[in-house]
Amino acid sequence: TSGFTFSWYAMHWYRQAPGKERELVGTVFTVGT
């Protein structure tokens, strides 16, 4: 990542399979949970 203060924000992983909607895989919060 670049262009923002990374440690301030939760980060997310999503995925999208063919023909399906994008879905949330998981989140890591600022403190690591």
PDB file of all heavy atoms in Angstrom:
ATOM      1  N   THR A   1       0.822  -1.208   0.000  1.00  0.00           N
ATOM      2  CA  THR A   1       0.000   0.000   0.000  1.00  0.00           C
ATOM      3  C   THR A   1       0.858   1.261   0.000  1.00  0.00           C
ATOM      4  O   THR A   1       2.034   1.232   0.403  1.00  0.00           O
ATOM      5  CB  THR A   1      -0.926   0.033   1.218  1.00  0.00           C
ATOM      6  OG1 THR A   1      -0.164   0.329   2.397  1.00  0.00           O
ATOM      7  CG2 THR A   1      -1.666  -1.283   1.411  1.00  0.00           C
ATOM      8  N   SER A   2       0.266   2.350  -0.426  1.00  0.00           N
ATOM      9  CA  SER A   2       0.908   3.654  -0.355  1.00  0.00           C
ATOM     10  C   SER A   2      -0.157   4.731  -0.470  1.00  0.00           C
ATOM     11  O   SER A   2      -1.297   4.450  -0.854  1.00  0.00           O
ATOM     12  CB  SER A   2       1.952   3.818  -1.462  1.00  0.00           C
ATOM     13  OG  SER A   2       1.349   3.759  -2.726  1.00  0.00           O
ATOM     14  N   GLY A   3       0.201   5.951  -0.085  1.00  0.00           N
ATOM     15  CA  GLY A   3      -0.696   7.078  -0.280  1.00  0.00           C
ATOM     16  C   GLY A   3      -1.617   7.384   0.883  1.00  0.00           C
ATOM     17  O   GLY A   3      -2.456   8.292   0.779  1.00  0.00           O
ATOM     18  N   PHE A   4      -1.462   6.646   1.975  1.00  0.00           N
ATOM     19  CA  PHE A   4      -2.267   6.935   3.160  1.00  0.00           C
ATOM     20  C   PHE A   4      -1.527   6.396   4.390  1.00  0.00           C
ATOM     21  O   PHE A   4      -0.551   5.645   4.261  1.00  0.00           O
ATOM     22  CB  PHE A   4      -3.665   6.321   3.051  1.00  0.00           C
ATOM     23  CG  PHE A   4      -3.700   4.812   3.004  1.00  0.00           C
ATOM     24  CD1 PHE A   4      -4.085   4.070   4.109  1.00  0.00           C
ATOM     25  CD2 PHE A   4      -3.362   4.126   1.838  1.00  0.00           C
ATOM     26  CE1 PHE A   4      -4.127   2.682   4.062  1.00  0.00           C
ATOM     27  CE2 PHE A   4      -3.391   2.742   1.783  1.00  0.00           C
ATOM     28  CZ  PHE A   4      -3.776   2.017   2.901  1.00  0.00           C
ATOM     29  N   THR A   5      -1.989   6.816   5.556  1.00  0.00           N
ATOM     30  CA  THR A   5      -1.350   6.375   6.794  1.00  0.00           C
ATOM     31  C   THR A   5      -1.891   4.997   7.149  1.00  0.00           C
ATOM     32  O   THR A   5      -2.931   4.861   7.796  1.00  0.00           O
ATOM     33  CB  THR A   5      -1.609   7.382   7.928  1.00  0.00           C
ATOM     34  OG1 THR A   5      -1.207   8.687   7.505  1.00  0.00           O
ATOM     35  CG2 THR A   5      -0.798   6.996   9.171  1.00  0.00           C
ATOM     36  N   PHE A   6      -1.164   4.009   6.736  1.00  0.00           N
ATOM     37  CA  PHE A   6      -1.622   2.618   6.794  1.00  0.00           C
ATOM     38  C   PHE A   6      -2.091   2.209   8.190  1.00  0.00           C
ATOM     39  O   PHE A   6      -3.137   1.556   8.339  1.00  0.00           O
ATOM     40  CB  PHE A   6      -0.482   1.711   6.334  1.00  0.00           C
ATOM     41  CG  PHE A   6      -0.788   0.248   6.356  1.00  0.00           C
ATOM     42  CD1 PHE A   6      -1.486  -0.345   5.326  1.00  0.00           C
ATOM     43  CD2 PHE A   6      -0.346  -0.546   7.415  1.00  0.00           C
ATOM     44  CE1 PHE A   6      -1.757  -1.714   5.334  1.00  0.00           C
ATOM     45  CE2 PHE A   6      -0.619  -1.903   7.437  1.00  0.00           C
ATOM     46  CZ  PHE A   6      -1.327  -2.488   6.391  1.00  0.00           C
ATOM     47  N   SER A   7      -1.354   2.585   9.203  1.00  0.00           N
ATOM     48  CA  SER A   7      -1.636   2.105  10.558  1.00  0.00           C
ATOM     49  C   SER A   7      -2.949   2.634  11.110  1.00  0.00           C
ATOM     50  O   SER A   7      -3.428   2.137  12.131  1.00  0.00           O
ATOM     51  CB  SER A   7      -0.484   2.481  11.495  1.00  0.00           C
ATOM     52  OG  SER A   7      -0.337   3.882  11.550  1.00  0.00           O
ATOM     53  N   TRP A   8      -3.547   3.612  10.445  1.00  0.00           N
ATOM     54  CA  TRP A   8      -4.793   4.198  10.934  1.00  0.00           C
ATOM     55  C   TRP A   8      -6.033   3.437  10.468  1.00  0.00           C
ATOM     56  O   TRP A   8      -7.128   3.715  10.963  1.00  0.00           O
ATOM     57  CB  TRP A   8      -4.927   5.642  10.468  1.00  0.00           C
ATOM     58  CG  TRP A   8      -3.980   6.599  11.090  1.00  0.00           C
ATOM     59  CD1 TRP A   8      -2.968   6.349  11.979  1.00  0.00           C
ATOM     60  CD2 TRP A   8      -3.943   8.015  10.844  1.00  0.00           C
ATOM     61  NE1 TRP A   8      -2.314   7.507  12.306  1.00  0.00           N
ATOM     62  CE2 TRP A   8      -2.893   8.550  11.625  1.00  0.00           C
ATOM     63  CE3 TRP A   8      -4.698   8.880  10.046  1.00  0.00           C
ATOM     64  CZ2 TRP A   8      -2.585   9.907  11.628  1.00  0.00           C
ATOM     65  CZ3 TRP A   8      -4.393  10.233  10.056  1.00  0.00           C
ATOM     66  CH2 TRP A   8      -3.343  10.734  10.842  1.00  0.00           C
ATOM     67  N   TYR A   9      -5.890   2.522   9.528  1.00  0.00           N
ATOM     68  CA  TYR A   9      -7.052   1.961   8.857  1.00  0.00           C
ATOM     69  C   TYR A   9      -7.123   0.442   8.947  1.00  0.00           C
ATOM     70  O   TYR A   9      -6.096  -0.253   8.840  1.00  0.00           O
ATOM     71  CB  TYR A   9      -7.040   2.352   7.376  1.00  0.00           C
ATOM     72  CG  TYR A   9      -7.183   3.823   7.152  1.00  0.00           C
ATOM     73  CD1 TYR A   9      -6.067   4.651   7.108  1.00  0.00           C
ATOM     74  CD2 TYR A   9      -8.442   4.396   7.002  1.00  0.00           C
ATOM     75  CE1 TYR A   9      -6.195   6.013   6.934  1.00  0.00           C
ATOM     76  CE2 TYR A   9      -8.579   5.758   6.816  1.00  0.00           C
ATOM     77  CZ  TYR A   9      -7.459   6.561   6.792  1.00  0.00           C
ATOM     78  OH  TYR A   9      -7.599   7.910   6.612  1.00  0.00           O
ATOM     79  N   ALA A  10      -8.354  -0.044   9.127  1.00  0.00           N
ATOM     80  CA  ALA A  10      -8.584  -1.473   8.943  1.00  0.00           C
ATOM     81  C   ALA A  10      -8.386  -1.810   7.464  1.00  0.00           C
ATOM     82  O   ALA A  10      -8.668  -0.988   6.584  1.00  0.00           O
ATOM     83  CB  ALA A  10     -10.003  -1.836   9.375  1.00  0.00           C
ATOM     84  N   MET A  11      -7.892  -2.997   7.218  1.00  0.00           N
ATOM     85  CA  MET A  11      -7.674  -3.465   5.852  1.00  0.00           C
ATOM     86  C   MET A  11      -8.503  -4.730   5.621  1.00  0.00           C
ATOM     87  O   MET A  11      -8.677  -5.547   6.539  1.00  0.00           O
ATOM     88  CB  MET A  11      -6.193  -3.778   5.620  1.00  0.00           C
ATOM     89  CG  MET A  11      -5.267  -2.580   5.749  1.00  0.00           C
ATOM     90  SD  MET A  11      -5.583  -1.313   4.504  1.00  0.00           S
ATOM     91  CE  MET A  11      -5.295  -2.222   2.985  1.00  0.00           C
ATOM     92  N   HIS A  12      -8.967  -4.867   4.398  1.00  0.00           N
ATOM     93  CA  HIS A  12      -9.877  -5.966   4.077  1.00  0.00           C
ATOM     94  C   HIS A  12      -9.382  -6.747   2.867  1.00  0.00           C
ATOM     95  O   HIS A  12      -8.758  -6.168   1.967  1.00  0.00           O
ATOM     96  CB  HIS A  12     -11.273  -5.409   3.753  1.00  0.00           C
ATOM     97  CG  HIS A  12     -11.742  -4.365   4.713  1.00  0.00           C
ATOM     98  ND1 HIS A  12     -12.278  -4.659   5.941  1.00  0.00           N
ATOM     99  CD2 HIS A  12     -11.726  -3.013   4.621  1.00  0.00           C
ATOM    100  CE1 HIS A  12     -12.595  -3.532   6.551  1.00  0.00           C
ATOM    101  NE2 HIS A  12     -12.257  -2.517   5.777  1.00  0.00           N
ATOM    102  N   TRP A  13      -9.700  -8.035   2.872  1.00  0.00           N
ATOM    103  CA  TRP A  13      -9.533  -8.868   1.684  1.00  0.00           C
ATOM    104  C   TRP A  13     -10.921  -9.292   1.211  1.00  0.00           C
ATOM    105  O   TRP A  13     -11.743  -9.764   2.022  1.00  0.00           O
ATOM    106  CB  TRP A  13      -8.705 -10.115   1.976  1.00  0.00           C
ATOM    107  CG  TRP A  13      -7.236  -9.887   2.028  1.00  0.00           C
ATOM    108  CD1 TRP A  13      -6.465  -9.734   3.150  1.00  0.00           C
ATOM    109  CD2 TRP A  13      -6.336  -9.805   0.909  1.00  0.00           C
ATOM    110  NE1 TRP A  13      -5.152  -9.556   2.793  1.00  0.00           N
ATOM    111  CE2 TRP A  13      -5.047  -9.600   1.428  1.00  0.00           C
ATOM    112  CE3 TRP A  13      -6.493  -9.887  -0.472  1.00  0.00           C
ATOM    113  CZ2 TRP A  13      -3.914  -9.471   0.610  1.00  0.00           C
ATOM    114  CZ3 TRP A  13      -5.381  -9.764  -1.272  1.00  0.00           C
ATOM    115  CH2 TRP A  13      -4.117  -9.555  -0.739  1.00  0.00           C
ATOM    116  N   TYR A  14     -11.157  -9.114  -0.080  1.00  0.00           N
ATOM    117  CA  TYR A  14     -12.378  -9.572  -0.725  1.00  0.00           C
ATOM    118  C   TYR A  14     -11.993 -10.564  -1.821  1.00  0.00           C
ATOM    119  O   TYR A  14     -10.843 -10.630  -2.245  1.00  0.00           O
ATOM    120  CB  TYR A  14     -13.123  -8.401  -1.378  1.00  0.00           C
ATOM    121  CG  TYR A  14     -13.876  -7.513  -0.442  1.00  0.00           C
ATOM    122  CD1 TYR A  14     -13.231  -6.549   0.311  1.00  0.00           C
ATOM    123  CD2 TYR A  14     -15.265  -7.601  -0.331  1.00  0.00           C
ATOM    124  CE1 TYR A  14     -13.938  -5.706   1.172  1.00  0.00           C
ATOM    125  CE2 TYR A  14     -15.981  -6.769   0.516  1.00  0.00           C
ATOM    126  CZ  TYR A  14     -15.308  -5.825   1.260  1.00  0.00           C
ATOM    127  OH  TYR A  14     -16.009  -5.006   2.097  1.00  0.00           O
ATOM    128  N   ARG A  15     -12.992 -11.274  -2.294  1.00  0.00           N
ATOM    129  CA  ARG A  15     -12.783 -12.123  -3.472  1.00  0.00           C
ATOM    130  C   ARG A  15     -14.048 -12.135  -4.315  1.00  0.00           C
ATOM    131  O   ARG A  15     -15.151 -11.907  -3.811  1.00  0.00           O
ATOM    132  CB  ARG A  15     -12.396 -13.545  -3.066  1.00  0.00           C
ATOM    133  CG  ARG A  15     -13.475 -14.345  -2.353  1.00  0.00           C
ATOM    134  CD  ARG A  15     -12.921 -15.698  -1.906  1.00  0.00           C
ATOM    135  NE  ARG A  15     -13.932 -16.504  -1.236  1.00  0.00           N
ATOM    136  CZ  ARG A  15     -13.690 -17.674  -0.673  1.00  0.00           C
ATOM    137  NH1 ARG A  15     -12.453 -18.194  -0.698  1.00  0.00           N
ATOM    138  NH2 ARG A  15     -14.655 -18.351  -0.084  1.00  0.00           N
ATOM    139  N   GLN A  16     -13.833 -12.399  -5.599  1.00  0.00           N
ATOM    140  CA  GLN A  16     -14.955 -12.471  -6.528  1.00  0.00           C
ATOM    141  C   GLN A  16     -14.732 -13.635  -7.475  1.00  0.00           C
ATOM    142  O   GLN A  16     -13.763 -13.639  -8.245  1.00  0.00           O
ATOM    143  CB  GLN A  16     -15.120 -11.171  -7.297  1.00  0.00           C
ATOM    144  CG  GLN A  16     -16.373 -11.133  -8.144  1.00  0.00           C
ATOM    145  CD  GLN A  16     -16.705  -9.737  -8.633  1.00  0.00           C
ATOM    146  OE1 GLN A  16     -15.855  -8.853  -8.680  1.00  0.00           O
ATOM    147  NE2 GLN A  16     -17.961  -9.530  -8.991  1.00  0.00           N
ATOM    148  N   ALA A  17     -15.632 -14.593  -7.371  1.00  0.00           N
ATOM    149  CA  ALA A  17     -15.592 -15.751  -8.261  1.00  0.00           C
ATOM    150  C   ALA A  17     -16.399 -15.444  -9.514  1.00  0.00           C
ATOM    151  O   ALA A  17     -17.294 -14.582  -9.488  1.00  0.00           O
ATOM    152  CB  ALA A  17     -16.153 -16.979  -7.546  1.00  0.00           C
ATOM    153  N   PRO A  18     -16.119 -16.142 -10.609  1.00  0.00           N
ATOM    154  CA  PRO A  18     -16.867 -15.891 -11.847  1.00  0.00           C
ATOM    155  C   PRO A  18     -18.370 -16.033 -11.643  1.00  0.00           C
ATOM    156  O   PRO A  18     -18.840 -17.019 -11.074  1.00  0.00           O
ATOM    157  CB  PRO A  18     -16.331 -16.974 -12.789  1.00  0.00           C
ATOM    158  CG  PRO A  18     -14.981 -17.295 -12.265  1.00  0.00           C
ATOM    159  CD  PRO A  18     -15.069 -17.160 -10.785  1.00  0.00           C
ATOM    160  N   GLY A  19     -19.104 -15.024 -12.072  1.00  0.00           N
ATOM    161  CA  GLY A  19     -20.560 -15.077 -11.981  1.00  0.00           C
ATOM    162  C   GLY A  19     -21.121 -14.822 -10.604  1.00  0.00           C
ATOM    163  O   GLY A  19     -22.333 -14.944 -10.402  1.00  0.00           O
ATOM    164  N   LYS A  20     -20.258 -14.477  -9.670  1.00  0.00           N
ATOM    165  CA  LYS A  20     -20.728 -14.246  -8.298  1.00  0.00           C
ATOM    166  C   LYS A  20     -20.377 -12.830  -7.853  1.00  0.00           C
ATOM    167  O   LYS A  20     -19.519 -12.171  -8.434  1.00  0.00           O
ATOM    168  CB  LYS A  20     -20.107 -15.266  -7.342  1.00  0.00           C
ATOM    169  CG  LYS A  20     -20.539 -16.695  -7.597  1.00  0.00           C
ATOM    170  CD  LYS A  20     -20.057 -17.611  -6.491  1.00  0.00           C
ATOM    171  CE  LYS A  20     -20.571 -19.026  -6.685  1.00  0.00           C
ATOM    172  NZ  LYS A  20     -20.112 -19.924  -5.594  1.00  0.00           N
ATOM    173  N   GLU A  21     -21.039 -12.398  -6.803  1.00  0.00           N
ATOM    174  CA  GLU A  21     -20.757 -11.077  -6.255  1.00  0.00           C
ATOM    175  C   GLU A  21     -19.457 -11.115  -5.437  1.00  0.00           C
ATOM    176  O   GLU A  21     -19.061 -12.157  -4.924  1.00  0.00           O
ATOM    177  CB  GLU A  21     -21.918 -10.621  -5.369  1.00  0.00           C
ATOM    178  CG  GLU A  21     -23.198 -10.352  -6.151  1.00  0.00           C
ATOM    179  CD  GLU A  21     -24.256  -9.668  -5.288  1.00  0.00           C
ATOM    180  OE1 GLU A  21     -24.021  -9.468  -4.089  1.00  0.00           O
ATOM    181  OE2 GLU A  21     -25.323  -9.328  -5.845  1.00  0.00           O
ATOM    182  N   ARG A  22     -18.868  -9.953  -5.335  1.00  0.00           N
ATOM    183  CA  ARG A  22     -17.667  -9.836  -4.512  1.00  0.00           C
ATOM    184  C   ARG A  22     -18.058 -10.062  -3.059  1.00  0.00           C
ATOM    185  O   ARG A  22     -19.072  -9.535  -2.581  1.00  0.00           O
ATOM    186  CB  ARG A  22     -17.052  -8.442  -4.694  1.00  0.00           C
ATOM    187  CG  ARG A  22     -15.646  -8.307  -4.195  1.00  0.00           C
ATOM    188  CD  ARG A  22     -15.018  -6.996  -4.658  1.00  0.00           C
ATOM    189  NE  ARG A  22     -14.846  -6.954  -6.111  1.00  0.00           N
ATOM    190  CZ  ARG A  22     -14.150  -6.017  -6.728  1.00  0.00           C
ATOM    191  NH1 ARG A  22     -13.554  -5.039  -6.037  1.00  0.00           N
ATOM    192  NH2 ARG A  22     -14.055  -6.028  -8.046  1.00  0.00           N
ATOM    193  N   GLU A  23     -17.247 -10.848  -2.344  1.00  0.00           N
ATOM    194  CA  GLU A  23     -17.559 -11.153  -0.954  1.00  0.00           C
ATOM    195  C   GLU A  23     -16.359 -10.849  -0.063  1.00  0.00           C
ATOM    196  O   GLU A  23     -15.204 -10.981  -0.482  1.00  0.00           O
ATOM    197  CB  GLU A  23     -17.966 -12.626  -0.787  1.00  0.00           C
ATOM    198  CG  GLU A  23     -16.884 -13.626  -1.113  1.00  0.00           C
ATOM    199  CD  GLU A  23     -17.280 -15.053  -0.758  1.00  0.00           C
ATOM    200  OE1 GLU A  23     -18.351 -15.270  -0.143  1.00  0.00           O
ATOM    201  OE2 GLU A  23     -16.500 -15.966  -1.072  1.00  0.00           O
ATOM    202  N   LEU A  24     -16.666 -10.475   1.168  1.00  0.00           N
ATOM    203  CA  LEU A  24     -15.625 -10.176   2.134  1.00  0.00           C
ATOM    204  C   LEU A  24     -15.023 -11.468   2.656  1.00  0.00           C
ATOM    205  O   LEU A  24     -15.740 -12.339   3.162  1.00  0.00           O
ATOM    206  CB  LEU A  24     -16.213  -9.359   3.291  1.00  0.00           C
ATOM    207  CG  LEU A  24     -15.257  -8.987   4.419  1.00  0.00           C
ATOM    208  CD1 LEU A  24     -14.146  -8.068   3.920  1.00  0.00           C
ATOM    209  CD2 LEU A  24     -16.030  -8.325   5.558  1.00  0.00           C
ATOM    210  N   VAL A  25     -13.707 -11.582   2.548  1.00  0.00           N
ATOM    211  CA  VAL A  25     -12.989 -12.738   3.075  1.00  0.00           C
ATOM    212  C   VAL A  25     -12.597 -12.498   4.529  1.00  0.00           C
ATOM    213  O   VAL A  25     -12.761 -13.373   5.382  1.00  0.00           O
ATOM    214  CB  VAL A  25     -11.730 -13.030   2.239  1.00  0.00           C
ATOM    215  CG1 VAL A  25     -10.918 -14.169   2.864  1.00  0.00           C
ATOM    216  CG2 VAL A  25     -12.106 -13.364   0.812  1.00  0.00           C
ATOM    217  N   GLY A  26     -12.091 -11.318   4.810  1.00  0.00           N
ATOM    218  CA  GLY A  26     -11.693 -11.028   6.173  1.00  0.00           C
ATOM    219  C   GLY A  26     -11.155  -9.628   6.329  1.00  0.00           C
ATOM    220  O   GLY A  26     -10.924  -8.914   5.344  1.00  0.00           O
ATOM    221  N   THR A  27     -10.975  -9.243   7.575  1.00  0.00           N
ATOM    222  CA  THR A  27     -10.532  -7.907   7.952  1.00  0.00           C
ATOM    223  C   THR A  27      -9.448  -8.005   9.018  1.00  0.00           C
ATOM    224  O   THR A  27      -9.551  -8.849   9.926  1.00  0.00           O
ATOM    225  CB  THR A  27     -11.713  -7.099   8.515  1.00  0.00           C
ATOM    226  OG1 THR A  27     -12.696  -6.939   7.495  1.00  0.00           O
ATOM    227  CG2 THR A  27     -11.263  -5.735   9.021  1.00  0.00           C
ATOM    228  N   VAL A  28      -8.455  -7.151   8.896  1.00  0.00           N
ATOM    229  CA  VAL A  28      -7.486  -6.998   9.983  1.00  0.00           C
ATOM    230  C   VAL A  28      -7.563  -5.551  10.448  1.00  0.00           C
ATOM    231  O   VAL A  28      -7.440  -4.615   9.650  1.00  0.00           O
ATOM    232  CB  VAL A  28      -6.058  -7.395   9.554  1.00  0.00           C
ATOM    233  CG1 VAL A  28      -5.550  -6.611   8.352  1.00  0.00           C
ATOM    234  CG2 VAL A  28      -5.092  -7.274  10.727  1.00  0.00           C
ATOM    235  N   PHE A  29      -7.834  -5.381  11.728  1.00  0.00           N
ATOM    236  CA  PHE A  29      -8.019  -4.063  12.295  1.00  0.00           C
ATOM    237  C   PHE A  29      -6.663  -3.451  12.651  1.00  0.00           C
ATOM    238  O   PHE A  29      -5.623  -4.100  12.564  1.00  0.00           O
ATOM    239  CB  PHE A  29      -8.959  -4.151  13.498  1.00  0.00           C
ATOM    240  CG  PHE A  29     -10.337  -4.606  13.122  1.00  0.00           C
ATOM    241  CD1 PHE A  29     -10.701  -5.943  13.206  1.00  0.00           C
ATOM    242  CD2 PHE A  29     -11.273  -3.700  12.646  1.00  0.00           C
ATOM    243  CE1 PHE A  29     -11.963  -6.369  12.837  1.00  0.00           C
ATOM    244  CE2 PHE A  29     -12.543  -4.117  12.274  1.00  0.00           C
ATOM    245  CZ  PHE A  29     -12.887  -5.453  12.360  1.00  0.00           C
ATOM    246  N   THR A  30      -6.702  -2.186  13.055  1.00  0.00           N
ATOM    247  CA  THR A  30      -5.461  -1.440  13.244  1.00  0.00           C
ATOM    248  C   THR A  30      -4.549  -2.081  14.287  1.00  0.00           C
ATOM    249  O   THR A  30      -3.324  -1.994  14.170  1.00  0.00           O
ATOM    250  CB  THR A  30      -5.751   0.003  13.634  1.00  0.00           C
ATOM    251  OG1 THR A  30      -6.582   0.010  14.799  1.00  0.00           O
ATOM    252  CG2 THR A  30      -6.474   0.743  12.507  1.00  0.00           C
ATOM    253  N   VAL A  31      -5.151  -2.718  15.289  1.00  0.00           N
ATOM    254  CA  VAL A  31      -4.335  -3.313  16.358  1.00  0.00           C
ATOM    255  C   VAL A  31      -3.966  -4.765  16.064  1.00  0.00           C
ATOM    256  O   VAL A  31      -3.328  -5.422  16.883  1.00  0.00           O
ATOM    257  CB  VAL A  31      -5.044  -3.215  17.724  1.00  0.00           C
ATOM    258  CG1 VAL A  31      -5.185  -1.753  18.124  1.00  0.00           C
ATOM    259  CG2 VAL A  31      -6.400  -3.904  17.691  1.00  0.00           C
ATOM    260  N   GLY A  32      -4.402  -5.256  14.907  1.00  0.00           N
ATOM    261  CA  GLY A  32      -4.023  -6.601  14.498  1.00  0.00           C
ATOM    262  C   GLY A  32      -5.070  -7.675  14.707  1.00  0.00           C
ATOM    263  O   GLY A  32      -4.874  -8.813  14.272  1.00  0.00           O
ATOM    264  N   THR A  33      -6.154  -7.338  15.378  1.00  0.00           N
ATOM    265  CA  THR A  33      -7.220  -8.329  15.515  1.00  0.00           C
ATOM    266  C   THR A  33      -7.883  -8.554  14.163  1.00  0.00           C
ATOM    267  O   THR A  33      -7.865  -7.669  13.291  1.00  0.00           O
ATOM    268  CB  THR A  33      -8.267  -7.871  16.538  1.00  0.00           C
ATOM    269  OG1 THR A  33      -8.722  -6.563  16.176  1.00  0.00           O
ATOM    270  CG2 THR A  33      -7.672  -7.833  17.934  1.00  0.00           C
TER     271      THR A  33
END
